[in-house]
Amino acid sequence: MFGVRAALAAAMMLGLSACEDDRAAGDGAATDDEREASMNCRRDLPPPSVAGDVSGDLSLVVEDFSYEVVDGRHRYNHTRRFRETGGVPVTIYRGKVCVDDGAECVDACVSYRVPAGTTFVQADHHVATKRESDRITLRYWARDDAGNLFELDRVIETDGRTARVID
């Protein structure tokens, strides 16, 4: 019962809709399951609509951290800002958040649109972990309208009431 409750709480805390639950080891190498999950999330994207040798440029900033304890978990509220600077619209189609040094992950198909030259802001988001000190990974997969694929990730280190993005 606790495992189901923890999984549901993790899914709700991340604000992601269900796609493929992937608990692969966080060693950086993509597994067959990860590649399949990414393809499953990508299959509903429309065909590329921009021709030529162009590419979007997508970045992610995580900022404005605050802290609270909710249901026994250390919760780090924050804002996520996705910025496109290459002049080609981008669709973020998959998101994955891992806590407990990568041991507990939630992976989902998403549909976030970042128009060319704009910033898509996700305010009032949070991650939560049972551990006072942890490494939390946010990872996103995206495709621009020219068909170019992107992966973005940010690592957040926590230590009690504080959280910071490390590069």
C-alpha atoms as a PDB file:
ATOM      1  CA  MET A   1       0.000   0.000   0.000  1.00  0.00           C
ATOM      2  CA  PHE A   2       2.824   2.401   0.880  1.00  0.00           C
ATOM      3  CA  GLY A   3       4.507   1.875  -2.509  1.00  0.00           C
ATOM      4  CA  VAL A   4       1.301   2.687  -4.393  1.00  0.00           C
ATOM      5  CA  ARG A   5       0.687   5.721  -2.196  1.00  0.00           C
ATOM      6  CA  ALA A   6       4.255   6.962  -2.698  1.00  0.00           C
ATOM      7  CA  ALA A   7       3.989   6.502  -6.469  1.00  0.00           C
ATOM      8  CA  LEU A   8       0.713   8.418  -6.610  1.00  0.00           C
ATOM      9  CA  ALA A   9       2.156  11.193  -4.467  1.00  0.00           C
ATOM     10  CA  ALA A  10       5.217  11.392  -6.703  1.00  0.00           C
ATOM     11  CA  ALA A  11       3.069  11.639  -9.831  1.00  0.00           C
ATOM     12  CA  MET A  12       0.943  14.399  -8.321  1.00  0.00           C
ATOM     13  CA  MET A  13       3.944  16.344  -7.050  1.00  0.00           C
ATOM     14  CA  LEU A  14       5.481  16.494 -10.489  1.00  0.00           C
ATOM     15  CA  GLY A  15       2.486  17.775 -12.406  1.00  0.00           C
ATOM     16  CA  LEU A  16       3.066  15.288 -15.205  1.00  0.00           C
ATOM     17  CA  SER A  17       0.509  13.057 -16.899  1.00  0.00           C
ATOM     18  CA  ALA A  18       1.243   9.334 -17.091  1.00  0.00           C
ATOM     19  CA  CYS A  19       3.151   7.940 -20.057  1.00  0.00           C
ATOM     20  CA  GLU A  20       5.719   5.285 -19.277  1.00  0.00           C
ATOM     21  CA  ASP A  21       6.989   4.643 -15.744  1.00  0.00           C
ATOM     22  CA  ASP A  22      10.711   4.096 -16.111  1.00  0.00           C
ATOM     23  CA  ARG A  23      12.896   3.262 -13.168  1.00  0.00           C
ATOM     24  CA  ALA A  24      16.083   2.613 -15.132  1.00  0.00           C
ATOM     25  CA  ALA A  25      19.393   3.214 -13.429  1.00  0.00           C
ATOM     26  CA  GLY A  26      20.620   6.773 -13.745  1.00  0.00           C
ATOM     27  CA  ASP A  27      23.986   5.951 -15.296  1.00  0.00           C
ATOM     28  CA  GLY A  28      23.405   8.221 -18.283  1.00  0.00           C
ATOM     29  CA  ALA A  29      23.121   5.416 -20.869  1.00  0.00           C
ATOM     30  CA  ALA A  30      19.733   5.173 -22.544  1.00  0.00           C
ATOM     31  CA  THR A  31      18.133   1.753 -22.150  1.00  0.00           C
ATOM     32  CA  ASP A  32      15.838   0.133 -24.717  1.00  0.00           C
ATOM     33  CA  ASP A  33      12.892   0.960 -22.409  1.00  0.00           C
ATOM     34  CA  GLU A  34      13.927   4.645 -22.311  1.00  0.00           C
ATOM     35  CA  ARG A  35      14.245   4.807 -26.096  1.00  0.00           C
ATOM     36  CA  GLU A  36      10.828   3.162 -26.461  1.00  0.00           C
ATOM     37  CA  ALA A  37       9.248   5.565 -23.935  1.00  0.00           C
ATOM     38  CA  SER A  38      10.686   8.519 -25.826  1.00  0.00           C
ATOM     39  CA  MET A  39       9.338   7.180 -29.133  1.00  0.00           C
ATOM     40  CA  ASN A  40       5.910   6.562 -27.571  1.00  0.00           C
ATOM     41  CA  CYS A  41       5.756  10.154 -26.353  1.00  0.00           C
ATOM     42  CA  ARG A  42       6.928  11.474 -29.732  1.00  0.00           C
ATOM     43  CA  ARG A  43       4.438   9.571 -31.871  1.00  0.00           C
ATOM     44  CA  ASP A  44       1.632  12.130 -31.408  1.00  0.00           C
ATOM     45  CA  LEU A  45       3.753  15.085 -32.550  1.00  0.00           C
ATOM     46  CA  PRO A  46       2.771  16.608 -35.881  1.00  0.00           C
ATOM     47  CA  PRO A  47       5.274  16.261 -38.729  1.00  0.00           C
ATOM     48  CA  PRO A  48       7.991  18.950 -38.868  1.00  0.00           C
ATOM     49  CA  SER A  49       6.603  22.111 -40.470  1.00  0.00           C
ATOM     50  CA  VAL A  50       9.768  24.166 -40.993  1.00  0.00           C
ATOM     51  CA  ALA A  51      12.097  23.386 -43.907  1.00  0.00           C
ATOM     52  CA  GLY A  52      15.724  24.301 -44.343  1.00  0.00           C
ATOM     53  CA  ASP A  53      18.846  24.204 -42.262  1.00  0.00           C
ATOM     54  CA  VAL A  54      17.428  25.830 -39.122  1.00  0.00           C
ATOM     55  CA  SER A  55      17.266  24.762 -35.509  1.00  0.00           C
ATOM     56  CA  GLY A  56      15.589  25.894 -32.355  1.00  0.00           C
ATOM     57  CA  ASP A  57      17.658  26.602 -29.266  1.00  0.00           C
ATOM     58  CA  LEU A  58      15.998  25.575 -26.003  1.00  0.00           C
ATOM     59  CA  SER A  59      17.255  26.209 -22.482  1.00  0.00           C
ATOM     60  CA  LEU A  60      15.857  25.517 -19.009  1.00  0.00           C
ATOM     61  CA  VAL A  61      16.274  27.642 -15.905  1.00  0.00           C
ATOM     62  CA  VAL A  62      15.057  26.450 -12.494  1.00  0.00           C
ATOM     63  CA  GLU A  63      14.825  29.230  -9.898  1.00  0.00           C
ATOM     64  CA  ASP A  64      12.939  30.863  -7.026  1.00  0.00           C
ATOM     65  CA  PHE A  65      13.201  27.955  -4.576  1.00  0.00           C
ATOM     66  CA  SER A  66      11.198  27.808  -1.357  1.00  0.00           C
ATOM     67  CA  TYR A  67      10.911  24.973   1.144  1.00  0.00           C
ATOM     68  CA  GLU A  68       8.310  23.166   3.203  1.00  0.00           C
ATOM     69  CA  VAL A  69       7.644  19.694   4.591  1.00  0.00           C
ATOM     70  CA  VAL A  70       4.496  18.023   3.226  1.00  0.00           C
ATOM     71  CA  ASP A  71       3.433  14.480   4.178  1.00  0.00           C
ATOM     72  CA  GLY A  72       6.895  13.734   5.561  1.00  0.00           C
ATOM     73  CA  ARG A  73       8.707  14.810   2.399  1.00  0.00           C
ATOM     74  CA  HIS A  74      11.048  17.744   1.888  1.00  0.00           C
ATOM     75  CA  ARG A  75       9.284  19.792  -0.757  1.00  0.00           C
ATOM     76  CA  TYR A  76      11.123  22.333  -2.893  1.00  0.00           C
ATOM     77  CA  ASN A  77       8.787  24.734  -4.696  1.00  0.00           C
ATOM     78  CA  HIS A  78      10.252  26.508  -7.722  1.00  0.00           C
ATOM     79  CA  THR A  79       9.694  28.007 -11.161  1.00  0.00           C
ATOM     80  CA  ARG A  80      10.819  26.362 -14.411  1.00  0.00           C
ATOM     81  CA  ARG A  81      11.512  28.590 -17.432  1.00  0.00           C
ATOM     82  CA  PHE A  82      11.970  27.079 -20.897  1.00  0.00           C
ATOM     83  CA  ARG A  83      13.387  29.623 -23.344  1.00  0.00           C
ATOM     84  CA  GLU A  84      13.622  29.292 -27.111  1.00  0.00           C
ATOM     85  CA  THR A  85      16.241  31.565 -28.712  1.00  0.00           C
ATOM     86  CA  GLY A  86      16.904  29.965 -32.117  1.00  0.00           C
ATOM     87  CA  GLY A  87      13.808  31.271 -33.847  1.00  0.00           C
ATOM     88  CA  VAL A  88      12.097  27.895 -34.342  1.00  0.00           C
ATOM     89  CA  PRO A  89       9.132  26.786 -32.172  1.00  0.00           C
ATOM     90  CA  VAL A  90       9.734  23.779 -29.908  1.00  0.00           C
ATOM     91  CA  THR A  91       7.424  21.162 -28.394  1.00  0.00           C
ATOM     92  CA  ILE A  92       8.517  19.467 -25.183  1.00  0.00           C
ATOM     93  CA  TYR A  93       7.043  15.980 -25.381  1.00  0.00           C
ATOM     94  CA  ARG A  94       8.485  14.030 -22.425  1.00  0.00           C
ATOM     95  CA  GLY A  95       9.520  14.799 -18.861  1.00  0.00           C
ATOM     96  CA  LYS A  96      11.221  12.736 -16.173  1.00  0.00           C
ATOM     97  CA  VAL A  97      11.985  13.638 -12.569  1.00  0.00           C
ATOM     98  CA  CYS A  98      14.190  11.477 -10.342  1.00  0.00           C
ATOM     99  CA  VAL A  99      14.739  11.821  -6.593  1.00  0.00           C
ATOM    100  CA  ASP A 100      16.633   9.702  -4.035  1.00  0.00           C
ATOM    101  CA  ASP A 101      19.838  10.003  -6.098  1.00  0.00           C
ATOM    102  CA  GLY A 102      18.001   8.592  -9.127  1.00  0.00           C
ATOM    103  CA  ALA A 103      16.366   5.620  -7.390  1.00  0.00           C
ATOM    104  CA  GLU A 104      12.780   6.947  -7.550  1.00  0.00           C
ATOM    105  CA  CYS A 105      11.588   8.348 -10.896  1.00  0.00           C
ATOM    106  CA  VAL A 106       8.401   9.506 -12.550  1.00  0.00           C
ATOM    107  CA  ASP A 107       8.396   9.626 -16.347  1.00  0.00           C
ATOM    108  CA  ALA A 108       5.544  11.060 -18.423  1.00  0.00           C
ATOM    109  CA  CYS A 109       4.488  12.240 -21.833  1.00  0.00           C
ATOM    110  CA  VAL A 110       3.811  15.981 -21.777  1.00  0.00           C
ATOM    111  CA  SER A 111       2.862  18.596 -24.337  1.00  0.00           C
ATOM    112  CA  TYR A 112       4.449  21.983 -23.665  1.00  0.00           C
ATOM    113  CA  ARG A 113       4.726  24.409 -26.573  1.00  0.00           C
ATOM    114  CA  VAL A 114       7.444  27.069 -26.645  1.00  0.00           C
ATOM    115  CA  PRO A 115       6.842  29.507 -29.528  1.00  0.00           C
ATOM    116  CA  ALA A 116       9.912  30.905 -31.323  1.00  0.00           C
ATOM    117  CA  GLY A 117      11.705  33.575 -29.335  1.00  0.00           C
ATOM    118  CA  THR A 118       9.573  33.192 -26.207  1.00  0.00           C
ATOM    119  CA  THR A 119       9.754  31.775 -22.703  1.00  0.00           C
ATOM    120  CA  PHE A 120       7.336  29.151 -21.386  1.00  0.00           C
ATOM    121  CA  VAL A 121       7.020  29.517 -17.607  1.00  0.00           C
ATOM    122  CA  GLN A 122       5.887  26.824 -15.218  1.00  0.00           C
ATOM    123  CA  ALA A 123       5.331  28.617 -11.921  1.00  0.00           C
ATOM    124  CA  ASP A 124       4.395  26.866  -8.690  1.00  0.00           C
ATOM    125  CA  HIS A 125       6.037  23.544  -9.541  1.00  0.00           C
ATOM    126  CA  HIS A 126       7.782  21.422  -6.943  1.00  0.00           C
ATOM    127  CA  VAL A 127       9.775  18.277  -6.315  1.00  0.00           C
ATOM    128  CA  ALA A 128       9.701  16.326  -3.080  1.00  0.00           C
ATOM    129  CA  THR A 129      12.040  13.802  -1.515  1.00  0.00           C
ATOM    130  CA  LYS A 130      12.147  11.806   1.704  1.00  0.00           C
ATOM    131  CA  ARG A 131      15.836  12.607   2.062  1.00  0.00           C
ATOM    132  CA  GLU A 132      17.070  15.813   3.631  1.00  0.00           C
ATOM    133  CA  SER A 133      20.092  15.810   1.309  1.00  0.00           C
ATOM    134  CA  ASP A 134      19.481  14.589  -2.219  1.00  0.00           C
ATOM    135  CA  ARG A 135      20.329  14.986  -5.914  1.00  0.00           C
ATOM    136  CA  ILE A 136      17.158  15.550  -7.927  1.00  0.00           C
ATOM    137  CA  THR A 137      17.244  15.365 -11.715  1.00  0.00           C
ATOM    138  CA  LEU A 138      14.788  17.058 -14.071  1.00  0.00           C
ATOM    139  CA  ARG A 139      15.054  15.808 -17.666  1.00  0.00           C
ATOM    140  CA  TYR A 140      13.016  16.845 -20.708  1.00  0.00           C
ATOM    141  CA  TRP A 141      12.911  15.719 -24.330  1.00  0.00           C
ATOM    142  CA  ALA A 142      11.802  18.111 -27.076  1.00  0.00           C
ATOM    143  CA  ARG A 143      11.581  18.516 -30.842  1.00  0.00           C
ATOM    144  CA  ASP A 144      11.599  21.750 -32.794  1.00  0.00           C
ATOM    145  CA  ASP A 145       9.378  22.392 -35.809  1.00  0.00           C
ATOM    146  CA  ALA A 146      12.317  21.608 -38.113  1.00  0.00           C
ATOM    147  CA  GLY A 147      12.526  18.063 -36.682  1.00  0.00           C
ATOM    148  CA  ASN A 148      15.638  18.539 -34.507  1.00  0.00           C
ATOM    149  CA  LEU A 149      15.609  16.649 -31.193  1.00  0.00           C
ATOM    150  CA  PHE A 150      16.761  18.049 -27.843  1.00  0.00           C
ATOM    151  CA  GLU A 151      17.384  16.752 -24.330  1.00  0.00           C
ATOM    152  CA  LEU A 152      17.563  19.125 -21.391  1.00  0.00           C
ATOM    153  CA  ASP A 153      18.413  18.315 -17.820  1.00  0.00           C
ATOM    154  CA  ARG A 154      19.060  20.105 -14.581  1.00  0.00           C
ATOM    155  CA  VAL A 155      20.370  18.665 -11.330  1.00  0.00           C
ATOM    156  CA  ILE A 156      19.165  20.123  -8.054  1.00  0.00           C
ATOM    157  CA  GLU A 157      21.118  19.468  -4.878  1.00  0.00           C
ATOM    158  CA  THR A 158      19.229  19.751  -1.621  1.00  0.00           C
ATOM    159  CA  ASP A 159      20.510  20.123   1.919  1.00  0.00           C
ATOM    160  CA  GLY A 160      17.719  20.542   4.400  1.00  0.00           C
ATOM    161  CA  ARG A 161      15.915  23.809   3.715  1.00  0.00           C
ATOM    162  CA  THR A 162      18.144  24.805   0.788  1.00  0.00           C
ATOM    163  CA  ALA A 163      18.132  23.743  -2.863  1.00  0.00           C
ATOM    164  CA  ARG A 164      20.364  24.856  -5.704  1.00  0.00           C
ATOM    165  CA  VAL A 165      20.860  23.965  -9.350  1.00  0.00           C
ATOM    166  CA  ILE A 166      24.318  22.626 -10.093  1.00  0.00           C
ATOM    167  CA  ASP A 167      25.941  22.837 -13.539  1.00  0.00           C
END
